[in-house]
PDB file of N, CA and C in Angstrom:
ATOM      1  N   MET A   1       0.849  -1.162   0.000  1.00  0.00           N
ATOM      2  CA  MET A   1       0.000   0.000   0.000  1.00  0.00           C
ATOM      3  C   MET A   1       0.899   1.231   0.000  1.00  0.00           C
ATOM      4  N   GLY A   2       0.547   2.188  -0.809  1.00  0.00           N
ATOM      5  CA  GLY A   2       1.386   3.365  -0.962  1.00  0.00           C
ATOM      6  C   GLY A   2       1.184   4.399   0.129  1.00  0.00           C
ATOM      7  N   ILE A   3       2.070   5.364   0.114  1.00  0.00           N
ATOM      8  CA  ILE A   3       2.014   6.446   1.091  1.00  0.00           C
ATOM      9  C   ILE A   3       0.712   7.226   0.953  1.00  0.00           C
ATOM     10  N   ASP A   4       0.255   7.410  -0.288  1.00  0.00           N
ATOM     11  CA  ASP A   4      -1.002   8.136  -0.513  1.00  0.00           C
ATOM     12  C   ASP A   4      -2.172   7.437   0.166  1.00  0.00           C
ATOM     13  N   ASP A   5      -2.218   6.106   0.042  1.00  0.00           N
ATOM     14  CA  ASP A   5      -3.306   5.342   0.666  1.00  0.00           C
ATOM     15  C   ASP A   5      -3.247   5.446   2.187  1.00  0.00           C
ATOM     16  N   LYS A   6      -2.035   5.347   2.725  1.00  0.00           N
ATOM     17  CA  LYS A   6      -1.888   5.438   4.179  1.00  0.00           C
ATOM     18  C   LYS A   6      -2.299   6.815   4.678  1.00  0.00           C
ATOM     19  N   ALA A   7      -1.918   7.857   3.941  1.00  0.00           N
ATOM     20  CA  ALA A   7      -2.297   9.216   4.332  1.00  0.00           C
ATOM     21  C   ALA A   7      -3.813   9.404   4.252  1.00  0.00           C
ATOM     22  N   GLU A   8      -4.414   8.826   3.228  1.00  0.00           N
ATOM     23  CA  GLU A   8      -5.877   8.915   3.089  1.00  0.00           C
ATOM     24  C   GLU A   8      -6.571   8.228   4.262  1.00  0.00           C
ATOM     25  N   ASN A   9      -6.047   7.073   4.674  1.00  0.00           N
ATOM     26  CA  ASN A   9      -6.636   6.346   5.799  1.00  0.00           C
ATOM     27  C   ASN A   9      -6.500   7.147   7.093  1.00  0.00           C
ATOM     28  N   GLU A  10      -5.353   7.780   7.284  1.00  0.00           N
ATOM     29  CA  GLU A  10      -5.160   8.612   8.473  1.00  0.00           C
ATOM     30  C   GLU A  10      -6.132   9.790   8.448  1.00  0.00           C
ATOM     31  N   GLY A  11      -6.336  10.352   7.256  1.00  0.00           N
ATOM     32  CA  GLY A  11      -7.281  11.455   7.111  1.00  0.00           C
ATOM     33  C   GLY A  11      -8.701  11.033   7.441  1.00  0.00           C
ATOM     34  N   THR A  12      -9.075   9.833   6.989  1.00  0.00           N
ATOM     35  CA  THR A  12     -10.412   9.303   7.283  1.00  0.00           C
ATOM     36  C   THR A  12     -10.586   9.104   8.783  1.00  0.00           C
ATOM     37  N   ASP A  13      -9.544   8.600   9.438  1.00  0.00           N
ATOM     38  CA  ASP A  13      -9.596   8.383  10.885  1.00  0.00           C
ATOM     39  C   ASP A  13      -9.734   9.717  11.617  1.00  0.00           C
ATOM     40  N   LEU A  14      -8.939  10.695  11.218  1.00  0.00           N
ATOM     41  CA  LEU A  14      -8.994  12.007  11.849  1.00  0.00           C
ATOM     42  C   LEU A  14     -10.353  12.668  11.633  1.00  0.00           C
ATOM     43  N   LYS A  15     -10.854  12.566  10.402  1.00  0.00           N
ATOM     44  CA  LYS A  15     -12.171  13.122  10.093  1.00  0.00           C
ATOM     45  C   LYS A  15     -13.235  12.484  10.989  1.00  0.00           C
ATOM     46  N   GLY A  16     -13.129  11.182  11.184  1.00  0.00           N
ATOM     47  CA  GLY A  16     -14.073  10.475  12.046  1.00  0.00           C
ATOM     48  C   GLY A  16     -14.009  10.942  13.480  1.00  0.00           C
ATOM     49  N   LYS A  17     -12.798  11.163  13.973  1.00  0.00           N
ATOM     50  CA  LYS A  17     -12.643  11.641  15.355  1.00  0.00           C
ATOM     51  C   LYS A  17     -13.247  13.030  15.527  1.00  0.00           C
ATOM     52  N   VAL A  18     -13.042  13.881  14.517  1.00  0.00           N
ATOM     53  CA  VAL A  18     -13.599  15.232  14.585  1.00  0.00           C
ATOM     54  C   VAL A  18     -15.127  15.170  14.574  1.00  0.00           C
ATOM     55  N   LYS A  19     -15.680  14.350  13.682  1.00  0.00           N
ATOM     56  CA  LYS A  19     -17.139  14.222  13.602  1.00  0.00           C
ATOM     57  C   LYS A  19     -17.710  13.683  14.911  1.00  0.00           C
ATOM     58  N   GLU A  20     -17.047  12.661  15.460  1.00  0.00           N
ATOM     59  CA  GLU A  20     -17.531  12.080  16.707  1.00  0.00           C
ATOM     60  C   GLU A  20     -17.508  13.118  17.827  1.00  0.00           C
ATOM     61  N   SER A  21     -16.415  13.860  17.935  1.00  0.00           N
ATOM     62  CA  SER A  21     -16.304  14.886  18.975  1.00  0.00           C
ATOM     63  C   SER A  21     -17.347  15.985  18.794  1.00  0.00           C
ATOM     64  N   ALA A  22     -17.528  16.419  17.553  1.00  0.00           N
ATOM     65  CA  ALA A  22     -18.526  17.455  17.272  1.00  0.00           C
ATOM     66  C   ALA A  22     -19.927  16.951  17.600  1.00  0.00           C
ATOM     67  N   GLY A  23     -20.189  15.697  17.276  1.00  0.00           N
ATOM     68  CA  GLY A  23     -21.488  15.110  17.579  1.00  0.00           C
ATOM     69  C   GLY A  23     -21.748  15.041  19.065  1.00  0.00           C
ATOM     70  N   LYS A  24     -20.723  14.654  19.832  1.00  0.00           N
ATOM     71  CA  LYS A  24     -20.869  14.600  21.290  1.00  0.00           C
ATOM     72  C   LYS A  24     -21.095  15.993  21.867  1.00  0.00           C
ATOM     73  N   ALA A  25     -20.330  16.962  21.352  1.00  0.00           N
ATOM     74  CA  ALA A  25     -20.421  18.326  21.883  1.00  0.00           C
ATOM     75  C   ALA A  25     -21.769  18.974  21.606  1.00  0.00           C
ATOM     76  N   THR A  26     -22.359  18.626  20.462  1.00  0.00           N
ATOM     77  CA  THR A  26     -23.630  19.250  20.085  1.00  0.00           C
ATOM     78  C   THR A  26     -24.840  18.383  20.393  1.00  0.00           C
ATOM     79  N   GLY A  27     -24.600  17.172  20.858  1.00  0.00           N
ATOM     80  CA  GLY A  27     -25.706  16.262  21.138  1.00  0.00           C
ATOM     81  C   GLY A  27     -26.299  15.655  19.877  1.00  0.00           C
ATOM     82  N   ASN A  28     -25.550  15.695  18.788  1.00  0.00           N
ATOM     83  CA  ASN A  28     -25.999  15.166  17.498  1.00  0.00           C
ATOM     84  C   ASN A  28     -25.544  13.706  17.374  1.00  0.00           C
ATOM     85  N   GLU A  29     -26.436  12.791  17.715  1.00  0.00           N
ATOM     86  CA  GLU A  29     -26.084  11.366  17.709  1.00  0.00           C
ATOM     87  C   GLU A  29     -25.767  10.860  16.314  1.00  0.00           C
ATOM     88  N   SER A  30     -26.426  11.410  15.312  1.00  0.00           N
ATOM     89  CA  SER A  30     -26.179  10.997  13.934  1.00  0.00           C
ATOM     90  C   SER A  30     -24.750  11.326  13.518  1.00  0.00           C
ATOM     91  N   LEU A  31     -24.297  12.524  13.832  1.00  0.00           N
ATOM     92  CA  LEU A  31     -22.937  12.945  13.495  1.00  0.00           C
ATOM     93  C   LEU A  31     -21.912  12.122  14.274  1.00  0.00           C
ATOM     94  N   GLU A  32     -22.224  11.853  15.524  1.00  0.00           N
ATOM     95  CA  GLU A  32     -21.345  11.034  16.358  1.00  0.00           C
ATOM     96  C   GLU A  32     -21.208   9.629  15.770  1.00  0.00           C
ATOM     97  N   SER A  33     -22.320   9.045  15.354  1.00  0.00           N
ATOM     98  CA  SER A  33     -22.296   7.704  14.745  1.00  0.00           C
ATOM     99  C   SER A  33     -21.538   7.704  13.428  1.00  0.00           C
ATOM    100  N   GLU A  34     -21.731   8.754  12.651  1.00  0.00           N
ATOM    101  CA  GLU A  34     -21.026   8.864  11.374  1.00  0.00           C
ATOM    102  C   GLU A  34     -19.513   8.920  11.615  1.00  0.00           C
ATOM    103  N   GLY A  35     -19.109   9.640  12.644  1.00  0.00           N
ATOM    104  CA  GLY A  35     -17.694   9.715  12.994  1.00  0.00           C
ATOM    105  C   GLY A  35     -17.136   8.367  13.401  1.00  0.00           C
ATOM    106  N   LYS A  36     -17.899   7.625  14.182  1.00  0.00           N
ATOM    107  CA  LYS A  36     -17.463   6.287  14.595  1.00  0.00           C
ATOM    108  C   LYS A  36     -17.355   5.362  13.386  1.00  0.00           C
ATOM    109  N   ALA A  37     -18.275   5.511  12.439  1.00  0.00           N
ATOM    110  CA  ALA A  37     -18.240   4.692  11.226  1.00  0.00           C
ATOM    111  C   ALA A  37     -17.001   5.018  10.396  1.00  0.00           C
ATOM    112  N   ASP A  38     -16.663   6.297  10.290  1.00  0.00           N
ATOM    113  CA  ASP A  38     -15.453   6.690   9.556  1.00  0.00           C
ATOM    114  C   ASP A  38     -14.207   6.094  10.206  1.00  0.00           C
ATOM    115  N   GLN A  39     -14.174   6.119  11.523  1.00  0.00           N
ATOM    116  CA  GLN A  39     -13.034   5.552  12.236  1.00  0.00           C
ATOM    117  C   GLN A  39     -12.959   4.039  12.023  1.00  0.00           C
ATOM    118  N   GLY A  40     -14.106   3.388  12.014  1.00  0.00           N
ATOM    119  CA  GLY A  40     -14.139   1.945  11.764  1.00  0.00           C
ATOM    120  C   GLY A  40     -13.642   1.613  10.374  1.00  0.00           C
ATOM    121  N   GLU A  41     -14.045   2.411   9.403  1.00  0.00           N
ATOM    122  CA  GLU A  41     -13.584   2.215   8.025  1.00  0.00           C
ATOM    123  C   GLU A  41     -12.063   2.341   7.950  1.00  0.00           C
ATOM    124  N   ALA A  42     -11.522   3.334   8.620  1.00  0.00           N
ATOM    125  CA  ALA A  42     -10.072   3.544   8.620  1.00  0.00           C
ATOM    126  C   ALA A  42      -9.354   2.364   9.282  1.00  0.00           C
ATOM    127  N   LYS A  43      -9.926   1.839  10.362  1.00  0.00           N
ATOM    128  CA  LYS A  43      -9.307   0.701  11.059  1.00  0.00           C
ATOM    129  C   LYS A  43      -9.271  -0.537  10.166  1.00  0.00           C
ATOM    130  N   VAL A  44     -10.342  -0.767   9.420  1.00  0.00           N
ATOM    131  CA  VAL A  44     -10.390  -1.924   8.520  1.00  0.00           C
ATOM    132  C   VAL A  44      -9.317  -1.775   7.431  1.00  0.00           C
ATOM    133  N   LYS A  45      -9.202  -0.575   6.893  1.00  0.00           N
ATOM    134  CA  LYS A  45      -8.192  -0.353   5.856  1.00  0.00           C
ATOM    135  C   LYS A  45      -6.782  -0.503   6.410  1.00  0.00           C
ATOM    136  N   LYS A  46      -6.565  -0.035   7.639  1.00  0.00           N
ATOM    137  CA  LYS A  46      -5.254  -0.183   8.270  1.00  0.00           C
ATOM    138  C   LYS A  46      -4.924  -1.657   8.485  1.00  0.00           C
ATOM    139  N   ALA A  47      -5.926  -2.444   8.872  1.00  0.00           N
ATOM    140  CA  ALA A  47      -5.710  -3.882   9.058  1.00  0.00           C
ATOM    141  C   ALA A  47      -5.319  -4.527   7.738  1.00  0.00           C
ATOM    142  N   GLY A  48      -5.946  -4.096   6.656  1.00  0.00           N
ATOM    143  CA  GLY A  48      -5.581  -4.591   5.327  1.00  0.00           C
ATOM    144  C   GLY A  48      -4.156  -4.236   4.977  1.00  0.00           C
ATOM    145  N   GLU A  49      -3.732  -3.029   5.336  1.00  0.00           N
ATOM    146  CA  GLU A  49      -2.347  -2.608   5.091  1.00  0.00           C
ATOM    147  C   GLU A  49      -1.384  -3.533   5.828  1.00  0.00           C
ATOM    148  N   HIS A  50      -1.698  -3.817   7.087  1.00  0.00           N
ATOM    149  CA  HIS A  50      -0.824  -4.665   7.894  1.00  0.00           C
ATOM    150  C   HIS A  50      -0.734  -6.076   7.307  1.00  0.00           C
ATOM    151  N   LEU A  51      -1.851  -6.590   6.813  1.00  0.00           N
ATOM    152  CA  LEU A  51      -1.834  -7.920   6.203  1.00  0.00           C
ATOM    153  C   LEU A  51      -0.970  -7.933   4.946  1.00  0.00           C
ATOM    154  N   LYS A  52      -1.122  -6.911   4.115  1.00  0.00           N
ATOM    155  CA  LYS A  52      -0.313  -6.831   2.899  1.00  0.00           C
ATOM    156  C   LYS A  52       1.164  -6.715   3.234  1.00  0.00           C
ATOM    157  N   ASP A  53       1.497  -5.903   4.234  1.00  0.00           N
ATOM    158  CA  ASP A  53       2.894  -5.748   4.641  1.00  0.00           C
ATOM    159  C   ASP A  53       3.454  -7.063   5.171  1.00  0.00           C
ATOM    160  N   ALA A  54       2.652  -7.775   5.962  1.00  0.00           N
ATOM    161  CA  ALA A  54       3.099  -9.048   6.516  1.00  0.00           C
ATOM    162  C   ALA A  54       3.309 -10.078   5.404  1.00  0.00           C
ATOM    163  N   ALA A  55       2.397 -10.108   4.444  1.00  0.00           N
ATOM    164  CA  ALA A  55       2.535 -11.049   3.323  1.00  0.00           C
ATOM    165  C   ALA A  55       3.783 -10.729   2.514  1.00  0.00           C
ATOM    166  N   LYS A  56       4.059  -9.449   2.319  1.00  0.00           N
ATOM    167  CA  LYS A  56       5.248  -9.043   1.579  1.00  0.00           C
ATOM    168  C   LYS A  56       6.505  -9.469   2.329  1.00  0.00           C
ATOM    169  N   ASN A  57       6.495  -9.325   3.663  1.00  0.00           N
ATOM    170  CA  ASN A  57       7.650  -9.726   4.461  1.00  0.00           C
ATOM    171  C   ASN A  57       7.887 -11.230   4.364  1.00  0.00           C
ATOM    172  N   VAL A  58       6.813 -12.010   4.390  1.00  0.00           N
ATOM    173  CA  VAL A  58       6.945 -13.464   4.266  1.00  0.00           C
ATOM    174  C   VAL A  58       7.500 -13.811   2.888  1.00  0.00           C
ATOM    175  N   LYS A  59       6.962 -13.172   1.879  1.00  0.00           N
ATOM    176  CA  LYS A  59       7.423 -13.411   0.510  1.00  0.00           C
ATOM    177  C   LYS A  59       8.903 -13.071   0.379  1.00  0.00           C
ATOM    178  N   ASP A  60       9.316 -11.930   0.944  1.00  0.00           N
ATOM    179  CA  ASP A  60      10.720 -11.520   0.887  1.00  0.00           C
ATOM    180  C   ASP A  60      11.622 -12.473   1.645  1.00  0.00           C
ATOM    181  N   THR A  61      11.119 -13.034   2.732  1.00  0.00           N
ATOM    182  CA  THR A  61      11.902 -13.984   3.529  1.00  0.00           C
ATOM    183  C   THR A  61      12.223 -15.231   2.713  1.00  0.00           C
ATOM    184  N   PHE A  62      11.240 -15.722   1.946  1.00  0.00           N
ATOM    185  CA  PHE A  62      11.456 -16.922   1.169  1.00  0.00           C
ATOM    186  C   PHE A  62      12.263 -16.667  -0.101  1.00  0.00           C
ATOM    187  N   LYS A  63      12.334 -15.412  -0.531  1.00  0.00           N
ATOM    188  CA  LYS A  63      13.141 -15.070  -1.706  1.00  0.00           C
ATOM    189  C   LYS A  63      14.629 -15.189  -1.421  1.00  0.00           C
ATOM    190  N   SER A  64      15.028 -14.814  -0.190  1.00  0.00           N
ATOM    191  CA  SER A  64      16.453 -14.762   0.093  1.00  0.00           C
ATOM    192  C   SER A  64      17.063 -16.103   0.320  1.00  0.00           C
TER     193      SER A  64
END
């Protein structure tokens, strides 16, 4: 996964945290839930990144 993808995922996570905080501060449950969903999406993508990195490391180990 490239740097652009990782930066996008971090942005999605940050956006989610901001939405969740704004929702809590204003009592807007919908906005709070949307923020949590954005954070969940970012976590899933990060997990995918880790799996790809781990697979690449295994592949590189067997190459040498």
